């Protein structure tokens, strides 16, 4: 039997895996791909965004609550998951505000990347998903997640770098999440208005006017059949996701009709591909890859 393909998704906090690329992961799990989510921080400084969960006993135990939420989302998506052990940096209200001492975003790049390099060498992914160099949005942990993901992609295959973290392994493709694009939200906005159900996206669309899209979409993965799994995983993060809020306003059937893909930018590739793609594993063949180390 051929070895399974392997996909690693690198995220900053619990819940990020469910809001970015969750339907993609669920689809690949269903197709027999091994998927590992690496969550770099515990989300300890995340705000409670669901009014129903804004209770003293939740806030007092937020780190443990978020770990339990992550476990539930992991089960729903069918993926493996591991925490990388760093402390959430929080989102400063002022860009000049100093970040907390010892948090993830202030770590030296070699310190922040070492555990992820070790995870890459152990899991041996063929493809890695992460954020772009702006973090998708300017949260310091998201920006640092891009930096350590790129570092791990480039260093894990080099036997002279990060000694003591396992046998070298070179991933073949690195992608940036491109799910929050102006084109996507304009299409959904117009479709919702045409259907007469109203759209909440006008404000989001206006924000893109002064922030042009930096990275082109190269890869659109059809995964509309897994939007329900995505939404169930999102709801598992009850402290972060309001079931009556923004995430669930657009009906799933309309999403499947108008925009049935999750979208990515191919940032690095060591295999020949023709763009655009509709599969993260284009150019990678299961019968020619090595099995994972155990």
Protein backbone atom coordinates (compact mmCIF):
# COMPACT_ATOMS: atom_id res chain seq x y z
CA UNK A 1 0.00 0.00 0.00
CA UNK A 2 1.18 3.53 -0.68
CA UNK A 3 1.92 5.83 2.22
CA UNK A 4 -0.77 8.42 2.95
CA UNK A 5 -0.28 12.03 2.05
CA UNK A 6 0.24 14.33 5.02
CA UNK A 7 -0.94 17.88 5.64
CA UNK A 8 0.17 20.16 8.50
CA UNK A 9 -1.81 23.30 9.38
CA UNK A 10 0.01 25.78 11.61
CA UNK A 11 -2.17 28.15 13.65
CA UNK A 12 -1.72 30.79 16.30
CA UNK A 13 -4.61 30.01 18.67
CA UNK A 14 -7.35 27.43 19.31
CA UNK A 15 -10.28 28.31 16.98
CA UNK A 16 -8.04 29.52 14.12
CA UNK A 17 -8.03 26.01 12.65
CA UNK A 18 -11.83 26.10 12.48
CA UNK A 19 -12.14 29.56 10.91
CA UNK A 20 -9.37 29.06 8.35
CA UNK A 21 -9.19 25.95 6.20
CA UNK A 22 -11.43 23.69 8.28
CA UNK A 23 -13.53 22.43 5.38
CA UNK A 24 -10.35 21.76 3.41
CA UNK A 25 -8.95 19.67 6.25
CA UNK A 26 -12.22 17.78 6.71
CA UNK A 27 -12.29 16.96 3.01
CA UNK A 28 -8.73 15.64 3.01
CA UNK A 29 -9.32 13.60 6.16
CA UNK A 30 -12.30 11.98 4.43
CA UNK A 31 -10.02 11.16 1.49
CA UNK A 32 -7.46 9.42 3.72
CA UNK A 33 -4.92 12.20 4.18
CA UNK A 34 -3.20 12.43 7.57
CA UNK A 35 -3.76 15.94 8.96
CA UNK A 36 -1.99 17.53 11.92
CA UNK A 37 -2.89 20.92 13.40
CA UNK A 38 -0.08 22.61 15.30
CA UNK A 39 -1.47 25.27 17.64
CA UNK A 40 1.34 27.57 18.71
CA UNK A 41 -0.31 29.18 21.76
CA UNK A 42 -3.01 28.26 24.22
CA UNK A 43 -5.14 31.31 23.50
CA UNK A 44 -4.89 32.39 27.14
CA UNK A 45 -5.35 36.08 26.38
CA UNK A 46 -8.23 35.71 23.94
CA UNK A 47 -11.33 37.75 24.67
CA UNK A 48 -14.63 36.00 25.28
CA UNK A 49 -16.58 36.84 22.12
CA UNK A 50 -19.76 34.90 22.87
CA UNK A 51 -21.96 36.78 25.36
CA UNK A 52 -23.42 33.49 26.64
CA UNK A 53 -19.95 32.38 27.77
CA UNK A 54 -18.94 35.68 29.37
CA UNK A 55 -19.13 34.35 32.90
CA UNK A 56 -16.65 34.63 35.79
CA UNK A 57 -16.02 30.88 36.05
CA UNK A 58 -15.18 30.74 32.32
CA UNK A 59 -12.83 33.71 32.47
CA UNK A 60 -11.06 32.33 35.53
CA UNK A 61 -10.34 29.06 33.72
CA UNK A 62 -10.00 30.34 30.16
CA UNK A 63 -6.83 28.40 29.33
CA UNK A 64 -8.36 25.04 30.28
CA UNK A 65 -11.70 25.91 28.66
CA UNK A 66 -9.98 26.70 25.39
CA UNK A 67 -8.01 23.44 25.49
CA UNK A 68 -11.27 21.52 25.93
CA UNK A 69 -12.84 23.47 23.06
CA UNK A 70 -9.86 22.60 20.88
CA UNK A 71 -10.21 18.91 21.70
CA UNK A 72 -13.85 18.95 20.69
CA UNK A 73 -13.09 20.75 17.42
CA UNK A 74 -10.28 18.28 16.74
CA UNK A 75 -12.70 15.38 17.11
CA UNK A 76 -15.21 17.02 14.77
CA UNK A 77 -12.61 17.67 12.07
CA UNK A 78 -11.00 14.25 12.46
CA UNK A 79 -7.50 15.68 12.66
CA UNK A 80 -4.56 15.22 14.96
CA UNK A 81 -3.61 18.26 17.03
CA UNK A 82 -0.83 19.36 19.33
CA UNK A 83 -0.15 22.50 21.33
CA UNK A 84 3.34 23.91 20.85
CA UNK A 85 3.47 25.42 24.33
CA UNK A 86 3.77 29.17 23.82
CA UNK A 87 1.75 31.82 25.66
CA UNK A 88 -0.77 33.95 23.79
CA UNK A 89 0.51 37.49 23.19
CA UNK A 90 -2.92 39.12 23.19
CA UNK A 91 -4.02 41.82 20.75
CA UNK A 92 -2.80 45.26 21.85
CA UNK A 93 -5.32 48.09 21.67
CA UNK A 94 -2.51 50.45 20.66
CA UNK A 95 0.14 49.47 18.12
CA UNK A 96 2.80 51.07 20.37
CA UNK A 97 1.73 49.01 23.38
CA UNK A 98 4.44 46.64 24.61
CA UNK A 99 3.66 42.93 24.38
CA UNK A 100 3.64 40.85 27.57
CA UNK A 101 7.00 39.52 28.70
CA UNK A 102 7.65 35.94 27.59
CA UNK A 103 4.73 35.73 25.16
CA UNK A 104 4.97 33.97 21.81
CA UNK A 105 5.41 37.02 19.59
CA UNK A 106 8.51 38.28 21.43
CA UNK A 107 10.43 35.00 21.26
CA UNK A 108 13.64 34.84 19.21
CA UNK A 109 12.86 33.17 15.90
CA UNK A 110 15.07 30.17 16.70
CA UNK A 111 13.27 29.60 20.00
CA UNK A 112 9.82 30.08 18.48
CA UNK A 113 10.59 27.75 15.56
CA UNK A 114 12.44 24.88 17.21
CA UNK A 115 9.36 22.96 18.33
CA UNK A 116 7.70 23.36 14.95
CA UNK A 117 10.84 22.14 13.16
CA UNK A 118 10.76 19.09 15.43
CA UNK A 119 7.07 18.54 14.64
CA UNK A 120 7.75 18.78 10.89
CA UNK A 121 10.58 16.26 11.18
CA UNK A 122 8.39 13.88 13.15
CA UNK A 123 5.14 14.18 11.19
CA UNK A 124 6.85 14.66 7.81
CA UNK A 125 4.16 16.69 6.04
CA UNK A 126 4.16 17.07 2.28
CA UNK A 127 2.15 20.31 2.53
CA UNK A 128 2.06 23.05 5.19
CA UNK A 129 -0.72 25.64 5.57
CA UNK A 130 -0.13 28.92 7.40
CA UNK A 131 -0.89 32.66 7.28
CA UNK A 132 0.66 35.24 4.99
CA UNK A 133 3.34 37.63 6.22
CA UNK A 134 0.71 40.08 7.45
CA UNK A 135 -0.80 37.32 9.56
CA UNK A 136 -4.10 37.43 7.68
CA UNK A 137 -4.81 40.29 10.06
CA UNK A 138 -2.22 42.13 12.16
CA UNK A 139 -2.34 40.07 15.34
CA UNK A 140 1.25 39.69 16.61
CA UNK A 141 0.80 35.93 17.08
CA UNK A 142 -0.47 35.51 13.52
CA UNK A 143 2.49 37.42 12.11
CA UNK A 144 4.87 35.32 14.21
CA UNK A 145 3.08 32.17 13.05
CA UNK A 146 3.95 33.06 9.47
CA UNK A 147 7.58 33.63 10.43
CA UNK A 148 8.01 30.32 12.24
CA UNK A 149 6.12 28.39 9.55
CA UNK A 150 8.39 29.75 6.83
CA UNK A 151 11.43 29.07 9.01
CA UNK A 152 10.32 25.48 9.64
CA UNK A 153 9.59 24.90 5.95
CA UNK A 154 13.04 26.12 4.98
CA UNK A 155 15.01 24.62 7.88
CA UNK A 156 13.47 21.21 8.55
CA UNK A 157 15.19 19.60 5.56
CA UNK A 158 18.64 20.98 6.42
CA UNK A 159 20.64 18.54 8.60
CA UNK A 160 22.85 21.39 9.83
CA UNK A 161 19.99 23.39 11.31
CA UNK A 162 18.19 22.72 14.59
CA UNK A 163 20.30 19.74 15.66
CA UNK A 164 18.64 17.37 18.07
CA UNK A 165 15.13 17.85 16.66
CA UNK A 166 14.98 14.68 14.56
CA UNK A 167 15.91 13.45 11.14
CA UNK A 168 15.65 16.08 8.38
CA UNK A 169 12.44 16.26 6.36
CA UNK A 170 11.70 18.68 3.54
CA UNK A 171 8.04 19.61 2.98
CA UNK A 172 7.19 20.14 -0.68
CA UNK A 173 4.62 22.94 -0.69
CA UNK A 174 3.76 25.89 1.57
CA UNK A 175 0.44 27.71 1.29
CA UNK A 176 -1.02 30.87 2.78
CA UNK A 177 -4.72 31.01 3.73
CA UNK A 178 -6.66 33.40 1.49
CA UNK A 179 -10.19 32.84 2.79
CA UNK A 180 -10.92 36.44 3.74
CA UNK A 181 -10.76 38.20 0.38
CA UNK A 182 -12.73 41.10 -1.01
CA UNK A 183 -13.86 39.07 -4.05
CA UNK A 184 -15.35 36.35 -1.88
CA UNK A 185 -17.26 38.68 0.40
CA UNK A 186 -18.48 40.83 -2.48
CA UNK A 187 -19.86 37.72 -4.18
CA UNK A 188 -21.63 36.55 -1.03
CA UNK A 189 -22.85 40.10 -0.27
CA UNK A 190 -24.43 40.45 -3.71
CA UNK A 191 -25.98 36.98 -3.58
CA UNK A 192 -27.53 37.58 -0.15
CA UNK A 193 -28.99 40.90 -1.21
CA UNK A 194 -30.33 39.34 -4.41
CA UNK A 195 -32.01 36.65 -2.35
CA UNK A 196 -33.56 39.33 -0.15
CA UNK A 197 -32.04 38.16 3.13
CA UNK A 198 -29.73 41.12 3.67
CA UNK A 199 -25.97 41.05 4.06
CA UNK A 200 -23.71 41.94 7.01
CA UNK A 201 -20.63 42.23 4.81
CA UNK A 202 -20.76 45.84 3.59
CA UNK A 203 -18.51 47.07 6.40
CA UNK A 204 -15.97 44.30 5.79
CA UNK A 205 -15.88 45.06 2.07
CA UNK A 206 -15.27 48.76 2.71
CA UNK A 207 -12.20 47.92 4.80
CA UNK A 208 -10.47 46.40 1.78
CA UNK A 209 -10.55 49.69 -0.14
CA UNK A 210 -7.40 50.88 1.62
CA UNK A 211 -5.82 47.44 1.93
CA UNK A 212 -5.24 45.90 -1.50
CA UNK A 213 -4.81 42.14 -1.64
CA UNK A 214 -1.10 41.38 -1.41
CA UNK A 215 -1.05 37.74 -2.49
CA UNK A 216 -3.00 36.33 -5.45
CA UNK A 217 -5.17 33.27 -5.02
CA UNK A 218 -3.46 30.40 -6.82
CA UNK A 219 -5.41 27.46 -5.46
CA UNK A 220 -9.12 26.92 -4.86
CA UNK A 221 -10.00 23.69 -3.07
CA UNK A 222 -13.60 22.52 -3.59
CA UNK A 223 -14.92 21.64 -0.15
CA UNK A 224 -18.53 22.86 0.00
CA UNK A 225 -19.69 19.41 1.12
CA UNK A 226 -17.74 19.97 4.35
CA UNK A 227 -19.03 23.44 5.29
CA UNK A 228 -21.33 21.85 7.88
CA UNK A 229 -18.33 20.14 9.52
CA UNK A 230 -16.49 23.47 9.47
CA UNK A 231 -19.38 25.22 11.19
CA UNK A 232 -19.72 22.49 13.81
CA UNK A 233 -16.01 22.82 14.59
CA UNK A 234 -16.38 26.58 14.86
CA UNK A 235 -19.25 26.20 17.31
CA UNK A 236 -17.07 23.95 19.47
CA UNK A 237 -15.05 27.08 20.27
CA UNK A 238 -17.93 28.47 22.29
CA UNK A 239 -15.92 31.21 24.03
CA UNK A 240 -14.81 32.63 20.70
CA UNK A 241 -17.77 32.09 18.38
CA UNK A 242 -21.26 33.46 18.93
CA UNK A 243 -23.77 31.04 17.36
CA UNK A 244 -26.02 34.03 16.66
CA UNK A 245 -23.19 36.10 15.20
CA UNK A 246 -21.43 37.00 11.99
CA UNK A 247 -20.06 33.56 11.09
CA UNK A 248 -23.43 31.95 10.43
CA UNK A 249 -25.47 34.68 8.75
CA UNK A 250 -24.88 33.47 5.19
CA UNK A 251 -26.84 30.24 4.50
CA UNK A 252 -24.64 27.24 3.72
CA UNK A 253 -26.56 26.39 0.56
CA UNK A 254 -25.87 29.87 -0.80
CA UNK A 255 -22.19 29.55 0.12
CA UNK A 256 -22.00 26.23 -1.72
CA UNK A 257 -23.66 27.80 -4.77
CA UNK A 258 -21.63 31.03 -4.87
CA UNK A 259 -18.26 30.16 -3.34
CA UNK A 260 -17.82 26.41 -2.71
CA UNK A 261 -14.05 26.57 -2.23
CA UNK A 262 -11.46 27.52 0.36
CA UNK A 263 -8.69 29.52 -1.24
CA UNK A 264 -4.91 29.68 -0.89
CA UNK A 265 -1.74 31.25 -2.21
CA UNK A 266 1.08 28.86 -3.11
CA UNK A 267 4.04 30.54 -1.43
CA UNK A 268 6.69 27.84 -1.95
CA UNK A 269 6.78 24.74 -4.12
CA UNK A 270 9.52 22.20 -4.70
CA UNK A 271 7.40 20.30 -7.23
CA UNK A 272 6.29 21.35 -10.69
CA UNK A 273 2.75 22.72 -10.81
CA UNK A 274 0.57 24.59 -13.24
CA UNK A 275 -1.44 27.41 -11.75
CA UNK A 276 -4.24 27.79 -10.92
CA UNK A 277 -4.73 24.56 -8.94
CA UNK A 278 -7.71 22.92 -7.27
CA UNK A 279 -5.75 20.54 -5.01
CA UNK A 280 -3.08 21.24 -2.40
CA UNK A 281 -1.34 18.01 -3.39
CA UNK A 282 -1.02 18.74 -7.11
CA UNK A 283 2.40 17.48 -8.19
CA UNK A 284 2.73 15.17 -5.16
CA UNK A 285 1.92 11.50 -5.62
CA UNK A 286 1.10 9.15 -2.76
CA UNK A 287 2.89 6.20 -4.33
CA UNK A 288 6.18 8.07 -4.45
CA UNK A 289 6.31 9.50 -0.91
CA UNK A 290 7.89 8.05 2.20
CA UNK A 291 5.90 6.97 5.25
CA UNK A 292 5.95 9.02 8.41
CA UNK A 293 8.43 8.30 11.17
CA UNK A 294 7.15 6.76 14.38
